[in-house]
Amino acid sequence: MKTVTWTDNASWDEVLRQAGEEDVIVMRDGRPVVLMTPFDEDDLAWYAHERDPGFLESLAKAREQVQQGKTVSQGDLRTELGLD
């Protein structure tokens, strides 16, 4: 991880180049303001999916079902699907 201090003369091109190679923390006035991390199209797809309201709702529902004991064992599922 690299730390860069942002000044009025700093170059975004240089910071972005470095962020393509490793995590970069941008500091301004001694405080962290931005974390840049390498990111590709696969990362973008996961990022969008993880913030999708429908996906988040399905996770909440699944967690509730687990807490209520509404689960099926792998063996029972295999039997139910005729995989045994």
C-alpha atoms as a PDB file:
ATOM      1  CA  MET A   1       0.000   0.000   0.000  1.00  0.00           C
ATOM      2  CA  LYS A   2       1.234   3.439  -0.890  1.00  0.00           C
ATOM      3  CA  THR A   3       0.365   6.775   0.707  1.00  0.00           C
ATOM      4  CA  VAL A   4       0.249   9.940  -1.386  1.00  0.00           C
ATOM      5  CA  THR A   5      -0.142  13.454  -0.013  1.00  0.00           C
ATOM      6  CA  TRP A   6      -2.465  15.511  -2.192  1.00  0.00           C
ATOM      7  CA  THR A   7      -1.372  19.061  -2.936  1.00  0.00           C
ATOM      8  CA  ASP A   8      -2.529  21.659  -5.441  1.00  0.00           C
ATOM      9  CA  ASN A   9       0.360  20.558  -7.681  1.00  0.00           C
ATOM     10  CA  ALA A  10      -0.335  16.808  -7.431  1.00  0.00           C
ATOM     11  CA  SER A  11      -0.977  14.862 -10.615  1.00  0.00           C
ATOM     12  CA  TRP A  12      -4.135  12.721 -10.795  1.00  0.00           C
ATOM     13  CA  ASP A  13      -2.549  10.846 -13.689  1.00  0.00           C
ATOM     14  CA  GLU A  14       0.316   9.713 -11.458  1.00  0.00           C
ATOM     15  CA  VAL A  15      -1.985   8.779  -8.562  1.00  0.00           C
ATOM     16  CA  LEU A  16      -4.272   6.791 -10.889  1.00  0.00           C
ATOM     17  CA  ARG A  17      -1.292   5.012 -12.450  1.00  0.00           C
ATOM     18  CA  GLN A  18      -0.095   3.963  -9.013  1.00  0.00           C
ATOM     19  CA  ALA A  19      -3.625   2.889  -7.991  1.00  0.00           C
ATOM     20  CA  GLY A  20      -3.688   0.543 -10.965  1.00  0.00           C
ATOM     21  CA  GLU A  21      -0.753  -1.322  -9.443  1.00  0.00           C
ATOM     22  CA  GLU A  22      -1.459  -1.252  -5.685  1.00  0.00           C
ATOM     23  CA  ASP A  23      -3.723   0.304  -3.068  1.00  0.00           C
ATOM     24  CA  VAL A  24      -3.141   4.037  -2.692  1.00  0.00           C
ATOM     25  CA  ILE A  25      -4.317   6.181   0.221  1.00  0.00           C
ATOM     26  CA  VAL A  26      -4.616   9.858  -0.674  1.00  0.00           C
ATOM     27  CA  MET A  27      -3.957  12.182   2.260  1.00  0.00           C
ATOM     28  CA  ARG A  28      -4.893  15.843   2.448  1.00  0.00           C
ATOM     29  CA  ASP A  29      -3.920  18.071   5.342  1.00  0.00           C
ATOM     30  CA  GLY A  30      -2.632  14.994   7.182  1.00  0.00           C
ATOM     31  CA  ARG A  31      -5.941  13.115   6.928  1.00  0.00           C
ATOM     32  CA  PRO A  32      -6.901  10.206   4.702  1.00  0.00           C
ATOM     33  CA  VAL A  33      -9.566  11.232   2.182  1.00  0.00           C
ATOM     34  CA  VAL A  34      -9.541   8.541  -0.495  1.00  0.00           C
ATOM     35  CA  LEU A  35      -8.567   4.898  -0.805  1.00  0.00           C
ATOM     36  CA  MET A  36      -7.911   3.826  -4.367  1.00  0.00           C
ATOM     37  CA  THR A  37      -7.550   0.162  -5.188  1.00  0.00           C
ATOM     38  CA  PRO A  38      -6.968  -1.717  -8.441  1.00  0.00           C
ATOM     39  CA  PHE A  39     -10.335  -2.590  -9.968  1.00  0.00           C
ATOM     40  CA  ASP A  40     -11.259  -4.526 -13.100  1.00  0.00           C
ATOM     41  CA  GLU A  41     -14.526  -5.388 -14.861  1.00  0.00           C
ATOM     42  CA  ASP A  42     -15.055  -8.512 -12.718  1.00  0.00           C
ATOM     43  CA  ASP A  43     -14.647  -6.385  -9.589  1.00  0.00           C
ATOM     44  CA  LEU A  44     -17.175  -3.909 -10.997  1.00  0.00           C
ATOM     45  CA  ALA A  45     -19.726  -6.675 -11.583  1.00  0.00           C
ATOM     46  CA  TRP A  46     -19.324  -7.951  -7.997  1.00  0.00           C
ATOM     47  CA  TYR A  47     -19.448  -4.410  -6.600  1.00  0.00           C
ATOM     48  CA  ALA A  48     -22.732  -3.702  -8.410  1.00  0.00           C
ATOM     49  CA  HIS A  49     -24.213  -7.076  -7.437  1.00  0.00           C
ATOM     50  CA  GLU A  50     -23.331  -6.682  -3.757  1.00  0.00           C
ATOM     51  CA  ARG A  51     -25.181  -3.363  -3.643  1.00  0.00           C
ATOM     52  CA  ASP A  52     -28.254  -4.485  -5.571  1.00  0.00           C
ATOM     53  CA  PRO A  53     -31.332  -4.052  -3.319  1.00  0.00           C
ATOM     54  CA  GLY A  54     -32.868  -7.318  -4.565  1.00  0.00           C
ATOM     55  CA  PHE A  55     -29.702  -9.254  -3.748  1.00  0.00           C
ATOM     56  CA  LEU A  56     -29.433  -7.665  -0.301  1.00  0.00           C
ATOM     57  CA  GLU A  57     -33.091  -8.499   0.360  1.00  0.00           C
ATOM     58  CA  SER A  58     -32.527 -12.136  -0.621  1.00  0.00           C
ATOM     59  CA  LEU A  59     -29.560 -12.335   1.787  1.00  0.00           C
ATOM     60  CA  ALA A  60     -31.653 -10.915   4.625  1.00  0.00           C
ATOM     61  CA  LYS A  61     -34.414 -13.416   3.875  1.00  0.00           C
ATOM     62  CA  ALA A  62     -31.951 -16.321   3.798  1.00  0.00           C
ATOM     63  CA  ARG A  63     -30.422 -15.266   7.137  1.00  0.00           C
ATOM     64  CA  GLU A  64     -33.908 -15.088   8.662  1.00  0.00           C
ATOM     65  CA  GLN A  65     -34.706 -18.580   7.381  1.00  0.00           C
ATOM     66  CA  VAL A  66     -31.494 -19.949   8.907  1.00  0.00           C
ATOM     67  CA  GLN A  67     -32.273 -18.308  12.254  1.00  0.00           C
ATOM     68  CA  GLN A  68     -35.752 -19.873  12.169  1.00  0.00           C
ATOM     69  CA  GLY A  69     -34.284 -23.285  11.393  1.00  0.00           C
ATOM     70  CA  LYS A  70     -35.928 -23.385   7.973  1.00  0.00           C
ATOM     71  CA  THR A  71     -33.021 -25.166   6.347  1.00  0.00           C
ATOM     72  CA  VAL A  72     -32.572 -28.464   4.519  1.00  0.00           C
ATOM     73  CA  SER A  73     -29.539 -30.670   4.950  1.00  0.00           C
ATOM     74  CA  GLN A  74     -27.431 -31.470   1.918  1.00  0.00           C
ATOM     75  CA  GLY A  75     -28.429 -35.141   2.175  1.00  0.00           C
ATOM     76  CA  ASP A  76     -32.140 -34.307   2.304  1.00  0.00           C
ATOM     77  CA  LEU A  77     -31.780 -31.952  -0.645  1.00  0.00           C
ATOM     78  CA  ARG A  78     -29.979 -34.596  -2.706  1.00  0.00           C
ATOM     79  CA  THR A  79     -32.766 -37.080  -1.900  1.00  0.00           C
ATOM     80  CA  GLU A  80     -35.477 -34.541  -2.724  1.00  0.00           C
ATOM     81  CA  LEU A  81     -33.816 -33.770  -6.061  1.00  0.00           C
ATOM     82  CA  GLY A  82     -33.329 -37.462  -6.836  1.00  0.00           C
ATOM     83  CA  LEU A  83     -29.553 -37.214  -6.828  1.00  0.00           C
ATOM     84  CA  ASP A  84     -28.970 -40.189  -4.510  1.00  0.00           C
END
